[in-house]
Protein backbone atom coordinates (compact mmCIF):
# COMPACT_ATOMS: atom_id res chain seq x y z
CA UNK A 1 106.07 116.83 122.05
CA UNK A 2 104.23 119.43 120.00
CA UNK A 3 105.58 122.83 119.01
CA UNK A 4 103.77 126.08 118.37
CA UNK A 5 105.86 128.63 116.48
CA UNK A 6 109.07 127.19 117.92
CA UNK A 7 107.76 126.84 121.49
CA UNK A 8 107.71 123.46 123.18
CA UNK A 9 104.23 122.42 124.26
CA UNK A 10 103.28 119.84 126.86
CA UNK A 11 100.04 117.94 127.08
CA UNK A 12 98.04 118.35 130.27
CA UNK A 13 99.15 114.84 131.30
CA UNK A 14 102.84 115.66 130.69
CA UNK A 15 102.61 118.87 132.73
CA UNK A 16 100.79 117.02 135.52
CA UNK A 17 103.43 114.26 135.58
CA UNK A 18 106.36 116.73 135.63
CA UNK A 19 104.89 118.95 138.35
CA UNK A 20 102.80 116.57 140.46
CA UNK A 21 99.69 118.72 139.92
CA UNK A 22 96.45 116.82 139.17
CA UNK A 23 95.41 117.02 135.50
CA UNK A 24 92.03 118.58 136.32
CA UNK A 25 93.78 121.35 138.27
CA UNK A 26 96.03 122.00 135.25
CA UNK A 27 92.94 122.34 133.03
CA UNK A 28 91.32 124.67 135.56
CA UNK A 29 94.47 126.83 135.68
CA UNK A 30 94.57 127.00 131.87
CA UNK A 31 90.93 128.10 131.68
CA UNK A 32 91.45 130.74 134.36
CA UNK A 33 94.69 132.06 132.83
CA UNK A 34 96.90 131.03 135.74
CA UNK A 35 98.93 128.93 133.26
CA UNK A 36 99.82 130.00 129.74
CA UNK A 37 98.87 127.53 127.05
CA UNK A 38 96.76 126.99 123.98
CA UNK A 39 93.50 125.24 123.24
CA UNK A 40 94.23 123.51 119.94
CA UNK A 41 90.47 123.30 119.26
CA UNK A 42 89.71 126.97 120.01
CA UNK A 43 87.01 128.35 117.77
CA UNK A 44 85.96 124.98 116.39
CA UNK A 45 83.11 124.28 118.78
CA UNK A 46 84.85 121.07 119.82
CA UNK A 47 85.99 120.05 123.28
CA UNK A 48 89.18 121.80 124.44
CA UNK A 49 92.53 120.15 123.65
CA UNK A 50 94.94 122.02 125.88
CA UNK A 51 98.69 122.32 125.52
CA UNK A 52 100.85 124.07 128.10
CA UNK A 53 104.01 125.97 127.25
CA UNK A 54 106.97 124.01 128.65
CA UNK A 55 108.28 127.27 130.12
CA UNK A 56 105.23 127.24 132.41
CA UNK A 57 106.36 123.93 133.93
CA UNK A 58 109.81 125.43 134.54
CA UNK A 59 108.24 128.54 136.11
CA UNK A 60 105.90 126.50 138.30
CA UNK A 61 108.73 124.30 139.58
CA UNK A 62 110.95 127.34 140.26
CA UNK A 63 108.18 129.07 142.20
CA UNK A 64 107.44 125.88 144.17
CA UNK A 65 111.08 125.55 145.22
CA UNK A 66 112.38 123.10 142.63
CA UNK A 67 110.00 120.27 143.43
């Protein structure tokens, strides 16, 4: 698992597996700002490589009733 300045980061696939949300939906939420994360390729002109803060998975599961 990657870290960004001490924060745990999940891949899109890891977030999807932990929450049951389809990976494409996770990417859509990241692009729209619904989920907090980072595009590791931002500013490079390359395809996005998203990472989601692990705290977002915790928040999502809490809001969904502990699924």
